[in-house]
């Protein structure tokens, strides 16, 4: 599973925490939810735009981790190709299968 969706740890800088109760709640709620590097990018853009006052022109494909990530998010919703989806189910094929025998 780590090959398809490696673990991610995020720690907000202390300077952001006093005014960020909603962010902390969202990040806590987002634990265990499906996130991607595009979401991490959107998070960095959110923080940068707050610090500079300049809106970033992101891809729009990611959801900031400071926002609520839907609990029912799927790989398809998140833009993850089927091969990289952690939900991908492999099927065992017996060595006696005719297709395997042809190989």
C-alpha atoms as a PDB file:
ATOM      1  CA  UNK A   1       0.000   0.000   0.000  1.00  0.00           C
ATOM      2  CA  UNK A   2       2.854   2.420   0.768  1.00  0.00           C
ATOM      3  CA  UNK A   3       3.979   2.116  -2.846  1.00  0.00           C
ATOM      4  CA  UNK A   4       0.648   3.541  -3.967  1.00  0.00           C
ATOM      5  CA  UNK A   5      -0.050   5.969  -1.144  1.00  0.00           C
ATOM      6  CA  UNK A   6       2.918   6.582   1.175  1.00  0.00           C
ATOM      7  CA  UNK A   7       2.376   7.889   4.714  1.00  0.00           C
ATOM      8  CA  UNK A   8       2.340  11.642   5.230  1.00  0.00           C
ATOM      9  CA  UNK A   9       2.870  13.615   8.419  1.00  0.00           C
ATOM     10  CA  UNK A  10       2.063  17.323   8.592  1.00  0.00           C
ATOM     11  CA  UNK A  11       2.855  19.755  11.371  1.00  0.00           C
ATOM     12  CA  UNK A  12       1.562  23.314  11.243  1.00  0.00           C
ATOM     13  CA  UNK A  13       4.049  26.036  12.217  1.00  0.00           C
ATOM     14  CA  UNK A  14       3.252  27.491  15.645  1.00  0.00           C
ATOM     15  CA  UNK A  15       2.745  30.922  14.059  1.00  0.00           C
ATOM     16  CA  UNK A  16      -0.302  29.552  12.200  1.00  0.00           C
ATOM     17  CA  UNK A  17      -1.883  27.636  15.080  1.00  0.00           C
ATOM     18  CA  UNK A  18      -3.415  30.447  17.231  1.00  0.00           C
ATOM     19  CA  UNK A  19      -5.816  31.502  14.455  1.00  0.00           C
ATOM     20  CA  UNK A  20      -6.385  28.099  12.982  1.00  0.00           C
ATOM     21  CA  UNK A  21      -8.828  26.123  15.134  1.00  0.00           C
ATOM     22  CA  UNK A  22     -10.842  25.187  12.034  1.00  0.00           C
ATOM     23  CA  UNK A  23      -7.677  24.038  10.275  1.00  0.00           C
ATOM     24  CA  UNK A  24      -6.694  21.847  13.187  1.00  0.00           C
ATOM     25  CA  UNK A  25     -10.171  20.309  13.306  1.00  0.00           C
ATOM     26  CA  UNK A  26     -10.109  19.705   9.549  1.00  0.00           C
ATOM     27  CA  UNK A  27      -6.640  18.169   9.661  1.00  0.00           C
ATOM     28  CA  UNK A  28      -7.694  15.912  12.524  1.00  0.00           C
ATOM     29  CA  UNK A  29     -10.830  14.885  10.618  1.00  0.00           C
ATOM     30  CA  UNK A  30      -8.773  14.274   7.459  1.00  0.00           C
ATOM     31  CA  UNK A  31      -6.614  11.657   9.198  1.00  0.00           C
ATOM     32  CA  UNK A  32      -7.065   8.344   7.458  1.00  0.00           C
ATOM     33  CA  UNK A  33      -8.745   9.934   4.441  1.00  0.00           C
ATOM     34  CA  UNK A  34      -7.493   9.632   0.906  1.00  0.00           C
ATOM     35  CA  UNK A  35      -5.053  12.454   0.118  1.00  0.00           C
ATOM     36  CA  UNK A  36      -2.592  12.990  -2.712  1.00  0.00           C
ATOM     37  CA  UNK A  37       0.473  15.080  -3.454  1.00  0.00           C
ATOM     38  CA  UNK A  38      -1.903  17.416  -5.290  1.00  0.00           C
ATOM     39  CA  UNK A  39      -3.654  18.029  -1.954  1.00  0.00           C
ATOM     40  CA  UNK A  40      -0.310  18.772  -0.327  1.00  0.00           C
ATOM     41  CA  UNK A  41       0.420  21.222  -3.141  1.00  0.00           C
ATOM     42  CA  UNK A  42      -2.979  22.887  -2.643  1.00  0.00           C
ATOM     43  CA  UNK A  43      -2.198  23.162   1.085  1.00  0.00           C
ATOM     44  CA  UNK A  44       1.104  24.892   0.405  1.00  0.00           C
ATOM     45  CA  UNK A  45      -0.642  27.264  -1.986  1.00  0.00           C
ATOM     46  CA  UNK A  46      -3.264  28.055   0.689  1.00  0.00           C
ATOM     47  CA  UNK A  47      -0.608  28.885   3.249  1.00  0.00           C
ATOM     48  CA  UNK A  48       1.411  30.906   0.754  1.00  0.00           C
ATOM     49  CA  UNK A  49      -1.588  32.957  -0.366  1.00  0.00           C
ATOM     50  CA  UNK A  50      -2.462  33.737   3.278  1.00  0.00           C
ATOM     51  CA  UNK A  51       1.096  34.831   3.983  1.00  0.00           C
ATOM     52  CA  UNK A  52       1.517  36.948   0.835  1.00  0.00           C
ATOM     53  CA  UNK A  53      -2.065  38.042   0.164  1.00  0.00           C
ATOM     54  CA  UNK A  54      -1.592  36.893  -3.431  1.00  0.00           C
ATOM     55  CA  UNK A  55      -3.936  34.210  -4.733  1.00  0.00           C
ATOM     56  CA  UNK A  56      -2.121  31.257  -6.265  1.00  0.00           C
ATOM     57  CA  UNK A  57      -3.138  29.816  -9.621  1.00  0.00           C
ATOM     58  CA  UNK A  58      -3.228  26.149  -8.692  1.00  0.00           C
ATOM     59  CA  UNK A  59      -4.346  23.221 -10.783  1.00  0.00           C
ATOM     60  CA  UNK A  60      -7.659  23.004  -8.950  1.00  0.00           C
ATOM     61  CA  UNK A  61      -7.191  19.219  -8.738  1.00  0.00           C
ATOM     62  CA  UNK A  62      -6.105  19.124  -5.113  1.00  0.00           C
ATOM     63  CA  UNK A  63      -7.985  19.935  -1.907  1.00  0.00           C
ATOM     64  CA  UNK A  64      -6.099  21.820   0.774  1.00  0.00           C
ATOM     65  CA  UNK A  65      -5.529  19.710   3.884  1.00  0.00           C
ATOM     66  CA  UNK A  66      -6.686  22.762   5.824  1.00  0.00           C
ATOM     67  CA  UNK A  67     -10.134  22.115   4.336  1.00  0.00           C
ATOM     68  CA  UNK A  68     -12.349  19.100   4.916  1.00  0.00           C
ATOM     69  CA  UNK A  69     -11.528  16.137   2.650  1.00  0.00           C
ATOM     70  CA  UNK A  70     -14.705  14.155   1.824  1.00  0.00           C
ATOM     71  CA  UNK A  71     -14.895  10.860   3.744  1.00  0.00           C
ATOM     72  CA  UNK A  72     -16.225   9.089   0.647  1.00  0.00           C
ATOM     73  CA  UNK A  73     -13.456  10.324  -1.669  1.00  0.00           C
ATOM     74  CA  UNK A  74     -12.384   7.761  -4.224  1.00  0.00           C
ATOM     75  CA  UNK A  75      -9.207   7.379  -6.235  1.00  0.00           C
ATOM     76  CA  UNK A  76     -11.162   8.524  -9.282  1.00  0.00           C
ATOM     77  CA  UNK A  77     -12.342  11.679  -7.449  1.00  0.00           C
ATOM     78  CA  UNK A  78      -8.780  12.388  -6.356  1.00  0.00           C
ATOM     79  CA  UNK A  79      -7.330  11.948  -9.854  1.00  0.00           C
ATOM     80  CA  UNK A  80      -5.393   8.793  -8.970  1.00  0.00           C
ATOM     81  CA  UNK A  81      -4.905   6.390 -11.874  1.00  0.00           C
ATOM     82  CA  UNK A  82      -6.294   2.887 -11.241  1.00  0.00           C
ATOM     83  CA  UNK A  83      -2.821   1.336 -11.130  1.00  0.00           C
ATOM     84  CA  UNK A  84      -1.817   3.575  -8.223  1.00  0.00           C
ATOM     85  CA  UNK A  85      -5.088   3.199  -6.328  1.00  0.00           C
ATOM     86  CA  UNK A  86      -4.706   1.443  -2.981  1.00  0.00           C
ATOM     87  CA  UNK A  87      -8.111  -0.147  -3.587  1.00  0.00           C
ATOM     88  CA  UNK A  88      -6.776  -2.097  -6.568  1.00  0.00           C
ATOM     89  CA  UNK A  89      -7.548  -5.769  -6.074  1.00  0.00           C
ATOM     90  CA  UNK A  90      -5.206  -8.340  -7.540  1.00  0.00           C
ATOM     91  CA  UNK A  91      -6.554 -11.711  -8.496  1.00  0.00           C
ATOM     92  CA  UNK A  92      -4.575 -14.902  -7.910  1.00  0.00           C
ATOM     93  CA  UNK A  93      -4.401 -17.063 -11.013  1.00  0.00           C
ATOM     94  CA  UNK A  94      -3.496 -20.712 -10.556  1.00  0.00           C
ATOM     95  CA  UNK A  95      -0.421 -21.977 -12.407  1.00  0.00           C
ATOM     96  CA  UNK A  96      -2.695 -24.480 -14.158  1.00  0.00           C
ATOM     97  CA  UNK A  97      -4.663 -21.679 -15.879  1.00  0.00           C
ATOM     98  CA  UNK A  98      -4.455 -22.082 -19.704  1.00  0.00           C
ATOM     99  CA  UNK A  99      -3.337 -18.473 -20.162  1.00  0.00           C
ATOM    100  CA  UNK A 100      -0.455 -18.997 -17.733  1.00  0.00           C
ATOM    101  CA  UNK A 101       0.453 -22.265 -19.441  1.00  0.00           C
ATOM    102  CA  UNK A 102       0.865 -20.387 -22.746  1.00  0.00           C
ATOM    103  CA  UNK A 103       3.435 -18.094 -21.170  1.00  0.00           C
END
